[in-house]
Amino acid sequence: QVQVVESGGGLVQPGGSLRLSCAALGSGLALYVMGWYRQAPGKQRELVAQITSGGSTSYADSVTGRFTITRDNAKNTMYLQMNSLKPEDTAVYYCNAHHLSVAAEFGSWGQGTQVTVSS
């Protein structure tokens, strides 16, 4: 069973940048899709971005052009570089890793890291 641990959240002013990291522990990670989700107060959890071991990526429309997801397979670590942050990006961000054969909701979730964008 793969486990994931996030780090890197915090408080940043609008227009600023943050980088989130997610370390994955386990074997067989080449068959896992990794992704970032977020949940703002009173809203449902939503997919922000995801990446396969081969480097294929997808993004939510709201973050396209501002966020970049990358993955270092040698370190079993995924990153989310967030630039031009907006107050509406404020949320708890969760790392997810799921096997190709199952939906993300059945994968492994991190404990979440708070990102607050405020002046």
Protein backbone atom coordinates (compact mmCIF):
# COMPACT_ATOMS: atom_id res chain seq x y z
CA GLN A 1 0.00 0.00 0.00
CA VAL A 2 1.43 3.33 -1.08
CA GLN A 3 1.51 6.17 1.45
CA VAL A 4 1.89 9.85 0.65
CA VAL A 5 2.99 12.82 2.74
CA GLU A 6 2.58 16.45 1.70
CA SER A 7 4.59 19.49 2.70
CA GLY A 8 5.04 23.10 1.68
CA GLY A 9 1.81 24.92 2.41
CA GLY A 10 1.60 28.31 4.06
CA LEU A 11 0.45 31.90 3.84
CA VAL A 12 1.26 33.94 0.75
CA GLN A 13 0.13 37.26 -0.66
CA PRO A 14 -1.89 37.45 -3.87
CA GLY A 15 0.41 37.17 -6.85
CA GLY A 16 2.93 35.18 -4.86
CA SER A 17 4.24 31.65 -5.30
CA LEU A 18 4.41 28.43 -3.30
CA ARG A 19 5.69 24.95 -4.03
CA LEU A 20 4.05 21.88 -2.57
CA SER A 21 5.82 18.54 -2.32
CA CYS A 22 4.42 15.04 -1.96
CA ALA A 23 6.63 12.12 -1.05
CA ALA A 24 5.33 8.65 -1.91
CA LEU A 25 6.37 5.57 0.07
CA GLY A 26 5.89 2.13 -1.40
CA SER A 27 6.61 -0.01 -4.41
CA GLY A 28 5.21 -0.22 -7.91
CA LEU A 29 4.88 3.54 -8.22
CA ALA A 30 5.45 3.38 -11.96
CA LEU A 31 1.84 2.17 -12.20
CA TYR A 32 0.46 5.00 -10.07
CA VAL A 33 -1.06 8.27 -11.12
CA MET A 34 -0.30 11.06 -8.68
CA GLY A 35 -2.30 14.21 -8.27
CA TRP A 36 -3.18 17.25 -6.23
CA TYR A 37 -6.68 17.96 -5.02
CA ARG A 38 -7.97 20.86 -2.97
CA GLN A 39 -10.94 21.60 -0.79
CA ALA A 40 -12.02 25.08 0.19
CA PRO A 41 -14.41 25.72 3.09
CA GLY A 42 -17.96 24.83 2.12
CA LYS A 43 -16.91 23.37 -1.22
CA GLN A 44 -16.33 19.90 -2.58
CA ARG A 45 -12.86 18.52 -3.09
CA GLU A 46 -11.69 19.17 -6.65
CA LEU A 47 -8.87 17.94 -8.83
CA VAL A 48 -6.15 20.54 -9.36
CA ALA A 49 -3.65 18.60 -11.45
CA GLN A 50 -2.40 15.09 -12.00
CA ILE A 51 0.58 13.38 -13.58
CA THR A 52 1.46 9.87 -14.70
CA SER A 53 4.84 8.24 -14.24
CA GLY A 54 5.43 8.91 -17.92
CA GLY A 55 4.95 12.63 -17.39
CA SER A 56 1.50 13.14 -18.92
CA THR A 57 -0.27 15.96 -17.13
CA SER A 58 -3.72 17.46 -16.84
CA TYR A 59 -4.92 20.58 -15.04
CA ALA A 60 -8.12 22.18 -13.86
CA ASP A 61 -9.07 25.13 -16.04
CA SER A 62 -8.80 27.45 -13.05
CA VAL A 63 -5.08 26.79 -12.59
CA THR A 64 -3.91 26.25 -16.17
CA GLY A 65 -1.03 28.56 -16.96
CA ARG A 66 -0.35 29.32 -13.29
CA PHE A 67 0.35 25.92 -11.71
CA THR A 68 2.85 23.31 -12.86
CA ILE A 69 2.88 19.70 -11.71
CA THR A 70 6.07 17.67 -11.95
CA ARG A 71 7.24 14.30 -10.75
CA ASP A 72 10.68 12.97 -9.91
CA ASN A 73 10.37 9.20 -10.27
CA ALA A 74 13.86 8.59 -8.88
CA LYS A 75 12.86 10.33 -5.65
CA ASN A 76 9.23 9.15 -5.66
CA THR A 77 8.23 12.76 -5.17
CA MET A 78 5.68 14.98 -6.85
CA TYR A 79 5.64 18.75 -6.84
CA LEU A 80 3.12 21.49 -7.49
CA GLN A 81 4.59 24.86 -8.36
CA MET A 82 1.92 27.49 -7.82
CA ASN A 83 2.49 30.94 -9.29
CA SER A 84 0.29 34.03 -9.54
CA LEU A 85 -1.72 32.81 -6.59
CA LYS A 86 -5.19 34.21 -6.06
CA PRO A 87 -7.36 34.36 -2.93
CA GLU A 88 -9.63 31.78 -4.52
CA ASP A 89 -6.74 29.31 -4.45
CA THR A 90 -7.06 29.24 -0.66
CA ALA A 91 -7.82 25.65 0.37
CA VAL A 92 -6.44 22.54 1.95
CA TYR A 93 -4.39 20.77 -0.67
CA TYR A 94 -4.23 16.98 -0.69
CA CYS A 95 -1.82 14.67 -2.41
CA ASN A 96 -3.26 11.52 -3.98
CA ALA A 97 -1.68 8.44 -5.47
CA HIS A 98 -3.79 5.76 -7.11
CA HIS A 99 -3.09 2.68 -9.19
CA LEU A 100 -4.02 2.95 -12.84
CA SER A 101 -6.71 0.31 -12.34
CA VAL A 102 -8.70 2.20 -9.69
CA ALA A 103 -10.30 5.60 -9.31
CA ALA A 104 -8.49 8.30 -7.39
CA GLU A 105 -10.97 8.16 -4.53
CA PHE A 106 -9.79 4.63 -3.76
CA GLY A 107 -6.13 5.60 -3.71
CA SER A 108 -3.93 6.91 -0.93
CA TRP A 109 -4.47 10.39 0.45
CA GLY A 110 -2.16 12.62 2.42
CA GLN A 111 -3.18 14.51 5.52
CA GLY A 112 -3.50 17.79 3.64
CA THR A 113 -1.60 21.05 3.77
CA GLN A 114 -3.18 24.47 4.14
CA VAL A 115 -2.57 27.11 1.48
CA THR A 116 -3.85 30.58 2.31
CA VAL A 117 -3.64 33.44 -0.18
CA SER A 118 -4.33 36.72 1.54
CA SER A 119 -2.96 40.21 1.91
